């Protein structure tokens, strides 16, 4: 029975990682669509979103079935609970990609403008956070997960910088306000991706080490002491 149970846990983990890979790819595609204004890439993101949503439901059901039919030990229980929470954040990463392509589609109505912001760089950091958070999940590595938490500040600062730069564009060049507003929404969506990566990392720490570090990074050091 235990062998079958752990095989089910492995299957659950694999399915979550497939969904997470699709969500990460969707973010990369959405940013590429913004960079190139290629609407065909937007269509790929839409199709991926449908698949991610379907997998979210399947993963949740698998998790609930395991909780209902088995009596998991503490670490296995934490694993299943972490999967349920990570699954929700993965789906929201996919939602962020959809938010971005909606802005890309809106931009088709306006001339291309060279805005004083680096959206692809911000996207690169946010995507790296997602990758590292997922790698920490694969390896059950709380130390790696902790390193993701420290990356969130840089994304927040970039979003703030972009925010003020685009407000300045709207003030000084009001004819470019629609493009600036779309870029603002995209930057905000990328900040949310970083937030979801942080959530995933926190859930990995909860699974591996057994305590909740949400909003309290110092608890990690406190628990060690």
C-alpha atoms as a PDB file:
ATOM      1  CA  UNK A   1       0.000   0.000   0.000  1.00  0.00           C
ATOM      2  CA  UNK A   2       2.793   2.432   0.873  1.00  0.00           C
ATOM      3  CA  UNK A   3       4.575   1.686  -2.401  1.00  0.00           C
ATOM      4  CA  UNK A   4       1.394   2.466  -4.334  1.00  0.00           C
ATOM      5  CA  UNK A   5       0.869   5.613  -2.286  1.00  0.00           C
ATOM      6  CA  UNK A   6       4.367   6.927  -3.000  1.00  0.00           C
ATOM      7  CA  UNK A   7       3.936   6.091  -6.688  1.00  0.00           C
ATOM      8  CA  UNK A   8       0.797   8.259  -6.599  1.00  0.00           C
ATOM      9  CA  UNK A   9       2.804  11.068  -4.976  1.00  0.00           C
ATOM     10  CA  UNK A  10       5.390  10.794  -7.749  1.00  0.00           C
ATOM     11  CA  UNK A  11       2.655  10.945 -10.389  1.00  0.00           C
ATOM     12  CA  UNK A  12       1.179  14.008  -8.679  1.00  0.00           C
ATOM     13  CA  UNK A  13       4.562  15.732  -8.617  1.00  0.00           C
ATOM     14  CA  UNK A  14       5.186  14.953 -12.284  1.00  0.00           C
ATOM     15  CA  UNK A  15       1.809  16.309 -13.344  1.00  0.00           C
ATOM     16  CA  UNK A  16       2.357  19.521 -11.385  1.00  0.00           C
ATOM     17  CA  UNK A  17       5.758  20.019 -12.993  1.00  0.00           C
ATOM     18  CA  UNK A  18       4.265  19.591 -16.464  1.00  0.00           C
ATOM     19  CA  UNK A  19       1.678  22.278 -15.721  1.00  0.00           C
ATOM     20  CA  UNK A  20       4.356  24.530 -14.228  1.00  0.00           C
ATOM     21  CA  UNK A  21       6.535  24.133 -17.313  1.00  0.00           C
ATOM     22  CA  UNK A  22       3.610  25.145 -19.506  1.00  0.00           C
ATOM     23  CA  UNK A  23       2.943  28.215 -17.355  1.00  0.00           C
ATOM     24  CA  UNK A  24       6.590  29.276 -17.462  1.00  0.00           C
ATOM     25  CA  UNK A  25       6.637  28.838 -21.231  1.00  0.00           C
ATOM     26  CA  UNK A  26       3.482  30.944 -21.498  1.00  0.00           C
ATOM     27  CA  UNK A  27       5.187  33.849 -19.740  1.00  0.00           C
ATOM     28  CA  UNK A  28       8.170  33.605 -22.066  1.00  0.00           C
ATOM     29  CA  UNK A  29       5.883  33.515 -25.083  1.00  0.00           C
ATOM     30  CA  UNK A  30       3.803  36.448 -23.844  1.00  0.00           C
ATOM     31  CA  UNK A  31       6.879  38.630 -23.398  1.00  0.00           C
ATOM     32  CA  UNK A  32       8.139  37.595 -26.831  1.00  0.00           C
ATOM     33  CA  UNK A  33       4.736  38.576 -28.248  1.00  0.00           C
ATOM     34  CA  UNK A  34       5.134  41.986 -26.581  1.00  0.00           C
ATOM     35  CA  UNK A  35       8.635  42.383 -27.992  1.00  0.00           C
ATOM     36  CA  UNK A  36       7.671  41.388 -31.552  1.00  0.00           C
ATOM     37  CA  UNK A  37       3.930  42.195 -31.547  1.00  0.00           C
ATOM     38  CA  UNK A  38       3.332  38.740 -33.023  1.00  0.00           C
ATOM     39  CA  UNK A  39      -0.328  37.855 -32.532  1.00  0.00           C
ATOM     40  CA  UNK A  40       0.249  34.225 -33.504  1.00  0.00           C
ATOM     41  CA  UNK A  41       2.245  33.849 -30.284  1.00  0.00           C
ATOM     42  CA  UNK A  42      -0.732  35.240 -28.374  1.00  0.00           C
ATOM     43  CA  UNK A  43      -2.847  32.419 -29.785  1.00  0.00           C
ATOM     44  CA  UNK A  44      -0.348  29.873 -28.427  1.00  0.00           C
ATOM     45  CA  UNK A  45      -0.652  31.409 -24.965  1.00  0.00           C
ATOM     46  CA  UNK A  46      -4.451  31.170 -25.149  1.00  0.00           C
ATOM     47  CA  UNK A  47      -4.278  27.474 -26.002  1.00  0.00           C
ATOM     48  CA  UNK A  48      -1.819  26.800 -23.210  1.00  0.00           C
ATOM     49  CA  UNK A  49      -4.097  28.550 -20.739  1.00  0.00           C
ATOM     50  CA  UNK A  50      -6.890  26.095 -21.485  1.00  0.00           C
ATOM     51  CA  UNK A  51      -4.544  23.169 -20.881  1.00  0.00           C
ATOM     52  CA  UNK A  52      -3.164  24.679 -17.662  1.00  0.00           C
ATOM     53  CA  UNK A  53      -6.685  25.229 -16.322  1.00  0.00           C
ATOM     54  CA  UNK A  54      -7.620  21.634 -17.106  1.00  0.00           C
ATOM     55  CA  UNK A  55      -4.504  20.322 -15.402  1.00  0.00           C
ATOM     56  CA  UNK A  56      -5.144  22.506 -12.358  1.00  0.00           C
ATOM     57  CA  UNK A  57      -8.473  20.759 -11.846  1.00  0.00           C
ATOM     58  CA  UNK A  58      -6.924  17.324 -12.360  1.00  0.00           C
ATOM     59  CA  UNK A  59      -4.091  18.002  -9.905  1.00  0.00           C
ATOM     60  CA  UNK A  60      -6.474  19.289  -7.257  1.00  0.00           C
ATOM     61  CA  UNK A  61      -8.654  16.199  -7.660  1.00  0.00           C
ATOM     62  CA  UNK A  62      -5.651  13.864  -7.433  1.00  0.00           C
ATOM     63  CA  UNK A  63      -4.520  15.651  -4.273  1.00  0.00           C
ATOM     64  CA  UNK A  64      -7.943  15.476  -2.652  1.00  0.00           C
ATOM     65  CA  UNK A  65      -8.256  11.784  -3.532  1.00  0.00           C
ATOM     66  CA  UNK A  66      -4.931  11.048  -1.846  1.00  0.00           C
ATOM     67  CA  UNK A  67      -5.983  12.939   1.254  1.00  0.00           C
ATOM     68  CA  UNK A  68      -9.315  11.116   1.376  1.00  0.00           C
ATOM     69  CA  UNK A  69      -8.117   7.577   0.667  1.00  0.00           C
ATOM     70  CA  UNK A  70      -4.774   7.493   2.470  1.00  0.00           C
ATOM     71  CA  UNK A  71      -3.438   8.425   5.876  1.00  0.00           C
ATOM     72  CA  UNK A  72      -0.305  10.338   4.922  1.00  0.00           C
ATOM     73  CA  UNK A  73       2.481  10.851   7.440  1.00  0.00           C
ATOM     74  CA  UNK A  74       3.415  14.410   8.370  1.00  0.00           C
ATOM     75  CA  UNK A  75       5.894  15.108   5.567  1.00  0.00           C
ATOM     76  CA  UNK A  76       3.657  13.458   2.961  1.00  0.00           C
ATOM     77  CA  UNK A  77       0.693  15.456   4.221  1.00  0.00           C
ATOM     78  CA  UNK A  78       2.721  18.660   3.944  1.00  0.00           C
ATOM     79  CA  UNK A  79       3.751  17.630   0.431  1.00  0.00           C
ATOM     80  CA  UNK A  80       0.138  17.205  -0.714  1.00  0.00           C
ATOM     81  CA  UNK A  81      -0.905  20.489   0.877  1.00  0.00           C
ATOM     82  CA  UNK A  82       2.074  22.221  -0.754  1.00  0.00           C
ATOM     83  CA  UNK A  83       1.113  20.760  -4.145  1.00  0.00           C
ATOM     84  CA  UNK A  84      -2.430  22.148  -3.816  1.00  0.00           C
ATOM     85  CA  UNK A  85      -1.076  25.616  -3.025  1.00  0.00           C
ATOM     86  CA  UNK A  86       1.663  25.522  -5.675  1.00  0.00           C
ATOM     87  CA  UNK A  87      -0.899  24.352  -8.222  1.00  0.00           C
ATOM     88  CA  UNK A  88      -2.962  27.498  -7.617  1.00  0.00           C
ATOM     89  CA  UNK A  89       0.094  29.726  -8.098  1.00  0.00           C
ATOM     90  CA  UNK A  90       1.066  27.897 -11.285  1.00  0.00           C
ATOM     91  CA  UNK A  91      -2.397  28.550 -12.706  1.00  0.00           C
ATOM     92  CA  UNK A  92      -2.086  32.225 -11.786  1.00  0.00           C
ATOM     93  CA  UNK A  93       1.247  32.458 -13.585  1.00  0.00           C
ATOM     94  CA  UNK A  94      -0.665  31.287 -16.652  1.00  0.00           C
ATOM     95  CA  UNK A  95      -3.288  33.945 -15.971  1.00  0.00           C
ATOM     96  CA  UNK A  96      -0.536  36.590 -15.882  1.00  0.00           C
ATOM     97  CA  UNK A  97       0.619  35.472 -19.321  1.00  0.00           C
ATOM     98  CA  UNK A  98      -2.939  35.930 -20.597  1.00  0.00           C
ATOM     99  CA  UNK A  99      -3.057  39.416 -19.071  1.00  0.00           C
ATOM    100  CA  UNK A 100       0.096  40.288 -20.975  1.00  0.00           C
ATOM    101  CA  UNK A 101      -1.157  39.073 -24.344  1.00  0.00           C
ATOM    102  CA  UNK A 102      -4.374  41.026 -23.859  1.00  0.00           C
ATOM    103  CA  UNK A 103      -2.231  44.171 -23.645  1.00  0.00           C
ATOM    104  CA  UNK A 104      -0.240  43.038 -26.696  1.00  0.00           C
ATOM    105  CA  UNK A 105      -3.453  42.756 -28.663  1.00  0.00           C
ATOM    106  CA  UNK A 106      -4.503  46.195 -27.490  1.00  0.00           C
ATOM    107  CA  UNK A 107      -1.173  47.624 -28.647  1.00  0.00           C
ATOM    108  CA  UNK A 108      -1.902  46.602 -32.239  1.00  0.00           C
ATOM    109  CA  UNK A 109      -4.067  49.718 -32.553  1.00  0.00           C
ATOM    110  CA  UNK A 110      -1.169  52.083 -31.808  1.00  0.00           C
ATOM    111  CA  UNK A 111       2.205  52.951 -33.316  1.00  0.00           C
ATOM    112  CA  UNK A 112       5.271  51.214 -31.939  1.00  0.00           C
ATOM    113  CA  UNK A 113       6.972  53.442 -29.357  1.00  0.00           C
ATOM    114  CA  UNK A 114      10.409  53.018 -27.803  1.00  0.00           C
ATOM    115  CA  UNK A 115       9.475  53.368 -24.146  1.00  0.00           C
ATOM    116  CA  UNK A 116      12.217  53.993 -21.537  1.00  0.00           C
ATOM    117  CA  UNK A 117      11.659  50.634 -19.808  1.00  0.00           C
ATOM    118  CA  UNK A 118      13.155  47.151 -20.089  1.00  0.00           C
ATOM    119  CA  UNK A 119      10.194  44.766 -19.893  1.00  0.00           C
ATOM    120  CA  UNK A 120      12.188  41.750 -21.214  1.00  0.00           C
ATOM    121  CA  UNK A 121      14.797  42.173 -18.447  1.00  0.00           C
ATOM    122  CA  UNK A 122      12.123  42.267 -15.780  1.00  0.00           C
ATOM    123  CA  UNK A 123      10.501  39.214 -17.359  1.00  0.00           C
ATOM    124  CA  UNK A 124      13.827  37.399 -17.341  1.00  0.00           C
ATOM    125  CA  UNK A 125      14.226  37.861 -13.591  1.00  0.00           C
ATOM    126  CA  UNK A 126      10.627  36.854 -12.866  1.00  0.00           C
ATOM    127  CA  UNK A 127      10.964  33.749 -15.058  1.00  0.00           C
ATOM    128  CA  UNK A 128      14.249  32.863 -13.357  1.00  0.00           C
ATOM    129  CA  UNK A 129      12.460  33.041 -10.010  1.00  0.00           C
ATOM    130  CA  UNK A 130       9.800  30.629 -11.246  1.00  0.00           C
ATOM    131  CA  UNK A 131      12.449  28.232 -12.573  1.00  0.00           C
ATOM    132  CA  UNK A 132      14.442  28.298  -9.349  1.00  0.00           C
ATOM    133  CA  UNK A 133      11.328  27.854  -7.212  1.00  0.00           C
ATOM    134  CA  UNK A 134      10.331  24.823  -9.279  1.00  0.00           C
ATOM    135  CA  UNK A 135      13.858  23.429  -9.139  1.00  0.00           C
ATOM    136  CA  UNK A 136      13.769  23.734  -5.353  1.00  0.00           C
ATOM    137  CA  UNK A 137      10.524  21.748  -5.455  1.00  0.00           C
ATOM    138  CA  UNK A 138      12.060  19.052  -7.662  1.00  0.00           C
ATOM    139  CA  UNK A 139      15.083  18.724  -5.362  1.00  0.00           C
ATOM    140  CA  UNK A 140      13.248  19.335  -2.069  1.00  0.00           C
ATOM    141  CA  UNK A 141      15.856  22.029  -1.458  1.00  0.00           C
ATOM    142  CA  UNK A 142      14.745  24.586   1.134  1.00  0.00           C
ATOM    143  CA  UNK A 143      18.009  26.514   0.805  1.00  0.00           C
ATOM    144  CA  UNK A 144      17.393  27.049  -2.899  1.00  0.00           C
ATOM    145  CA  UNK A 145      13.821  28.073  -2.128  1.00  0.00           C
ATOM    146  CA  UNK A 146      15.094  30.671   0.346  1.00  0.00           C
ATOM    147  CA  UNK A 147      17.229  32.231  -2.396  1.00  0.00           C
ATOM    148  CA  UNK A 148      14.064  32.839  -4.441  1.00  0.00           C
ATOM    149  CA  UNK A 149      12.589  34.925  -1.637  1.00  0.00           C
ATOM    150  CA  UNK A 150      15.505  37.346  -1.750  1.00  0.00           C
ATOM    151  CA  UNK A 151      15.033  37.892  -5.510  1.00  0.00           C
ATOM    152  CA  UNK A 152      11.563  39.368  -5.136  1.00  0.00           C
ATOM    153  CA  UNK A 153      12.823  42.750  -3.949  1.00  0.00           C
ATOM    154  CA  UNK A 154      14.682  43.369  -7.214  1.00  0.00           C
ATOM    155  CA  UNK A 155      11.513  42.743  -9.233  1.00  0.00           C
ATOM    156  CA  UNK A 156       9.533  45.060  -6.957  1.00  0.00           C
ATOM    157  CA  UNK A 157      12.144  47.791  -7.448  1.00  0.00           C
ATOM    158  CA  UNK A 158      12.104  47.318 -11.218  1.00  0.00           C
ATOM    159  CA  UNK A 159       8.325  47.586 -11.243  1.00  0.00           C
ATOM    160  CA  UNK A 160       8.505  50.803  -9.229  1.00  0.00           C
ATOM    161  CA  UNK A 161      11.113  52.245 -11.593  1.00  0.00           C
ATOM    162  CA  UNK A 162       9.024  51.299 -14.623  1.00  0.00           C
ATOM    163  CA  UNK A 163       5.937  52.784 -12.990  1.00  0.00           C
ATOM    164  CA  UNK A 164       7.530  56.198 -12.517  1.00  0.00           C
ATOM    165  CA  UNK A 165       9.174  56.159 -15.948  1.00  0.00           C
ATOM    166  CA  UNK A 166       5.878  55.462 -17.672  1.00  0.00           C
ATOM    167  CA  UNK A 167       4.024  58.059 -15.627  1.00  0.00           C
ATOM    168  CA  UNK A 168       6.625  60.528 -16.827  1.00  0.00           C
ATOM    169  CA  UNK A 169       5.997  59.464 -20.438  1.00  0.00           C
ATOM    170  CA  UNK A 170       2.263  60.017 -20.025  1.00  0.00           C
ATOM    171  CA  UNK A 171       2.889  63.428 -18.506  1.00  0.00           C
ATOM    172  CA  UNK A 172       5.427  64.641 -21.071  1.00  0.00           C
ATOM    173  CA  UNK A 173       4.202  62.755 -24.167  1.00  0.00           C
ATOM    174  CA  UNK A 174       0.456  62.234 -23.672  1.00  0.00           C
ATOM    175  CA  UNK A 175       0.062  60.960 -27.222  1.00  0.00           C
ATOM    176  CA  UNK A 176       1.802  57.770 -26.039  1.00  0.00           C
ATOM    177  CA  UNK A 177      -0.460  57.229 -23.044  1.00  0.00           C
ATOM    178  CA  UNK A 178      -2.158  54.054 -24.403  1.00  0.00           C
ATOM    179  CA  UNK A 179       1.196  52.355 -25.033  1.00  0.00           C
ATOM    180  CA  UNK A 180       2.479  53.422 -21.624  1.00  0.00           C
ATOM    181  CA  UNK A 181      -0.647  52.149 -19.881  1.00  0.00           C
ATOM    182  CA  UNK A 182      -0.339  48.771 -21.575  1.00  0.00           C
ATOM    183  CA  UNK A 183       3.318  48.562 -20.541  1.00  0.00           C
ATOM    184  CA  UNK A 184       2.313  49.433 -16.969  1.00  0.00           C
ATOM    185  CA  UNK A 185      -0.144  46.532 -16.895  1.00  0.00           C
ATOM    186  CA  UNK A 186       2.475  44.184 -18.325  1.00  0.00           C
ATOM    187  CA  UNK A 187       5.011  45.219 -15.693  1.00  0.00           C
ATOM    188  CA  UNK A 188       2.424  44.680 -12.979  1.00  0.00           C
ATOM    189  CA  UNK A 189       1.660  41.237 -14.379  1.00  0.00           C
ATOM    190  CA  UNK A 190       5.361  40.350 -14.248  1.00  0.00           C
ATOM    191  CA  UNK A 191       5.545  41.544 -10.661  1.00  0.00           C
ATOM    192  CA  UNK A 192       2.690  39.162  -9.903  1.00  0.00           C
ATOM    193  CA  UNK A 193       4.624  36.321 -11.557  1.00  0.00           C
ATOM    194  CA  UNK A 194       7.495  37.035  -9.157  1.00  0.00           C
ATOM    195  CA  UNK A 195       5.017  37.016  -6.272  1.00  0.00           C
ATOM    196  CA  UNK A 196       3.735  33.606  -7.342  1.00  0.00           C
ATOM    197  CA  UNK A 197       7.307  32.296  -7.567  1.00  0.00           C
ATOM    198  CA  UNK A 198       7.837  33.551  -4.018  1.00  0.00           C
ATOM    199  CA  UNK A 199       4.694  31.741  -2.892  1.00  0.00           C
ATOM    200  CA  UNK A 200       5.930  28.513  -4.485  1.00  0.00           C
ATOM    201  CA  UNK A 201       9.281  28.859  -2.728  1.00  0.00           C
ATOM    202  CA  UNK A 202       7.527  29.431   0.601  1.00  0.00           C
ATOM    203  CA  UNK A 203       5.459  26.302   0.052  1.00  0.00           C
ATOM    204  CA  UNK A 204       8.616  24.288  -0.650  1.00  0.00           C
ATOM    205  CA  UNK A 205      10.073  25.469   2.655  1.00  0.00           C
ATOM    206  CA  UNK A 206       6.834  24.495   4.412  1.00  0.00           C
ATOM    207  CA  UNK A 207       6.945  21.020   2.846  1.00  0.00           C
ATOM    208  CA  UNK A 208      10.612  20.342   3.552  1.00  0.00           C
ATOM    209  CA  UNK A 209      11.124  22.063   6.894  1.00  0.00           C
ATOM    210  CA  UNK A 210       7.629  22.080   8.328  1.00  0.00           C
ATOM    211  CA  UNK A 211       7.101  25.753   9.100  1.00  0.00           C
ATOM    212  CA  UNK A 212       5.389  28.706   7.486  1.00  0.00           C
ATOM    213  CA  UNK A 213       7.663  31.576   6.417  1.00  0.00           C
ATOM    214  CA  UNK A 214       5.026  33.723   4.716  1.00  0.00           C
ATOM    215  CA  UNK A 215       5.709  37.395   5.558  1.00  0.00           C
ATOM    216  CA  UNK A 216       8.341  36.297   8.102  1.00  0.00           C
ATOM    217  CA  UNK A 217      11.618  35.476   6.388  1.00  0.00           C
ATOM    218  CA  UNK A 218      13.402  35.770   9.731  1.00  0.00           C
ATOM    219  CA  UNK A 219      11.566  32.645  10.904  1.00  0.00           C
ATOM    220  CA  UNK A 220      13.972  30.590   8.759  1.00  0.00           C
ATOM    221  CA  UNK A 221      16.980  31.690  10.774  1.00  0.00           C
ATOM    222  CA  UNK A 222      14.978  31.500  13.979  1.00  0.00           C
ATOM    223  CA  UNK A 223      14.042  27.903  13.306  1.00  0.00           C
ATOM    224  CA  UNK A 224      17.679  27.020  12.690  1.00  0.00           C
ATOM    225  CA  UNK A 225      18.752  28.602  15.942  1.00  0.00           C
END
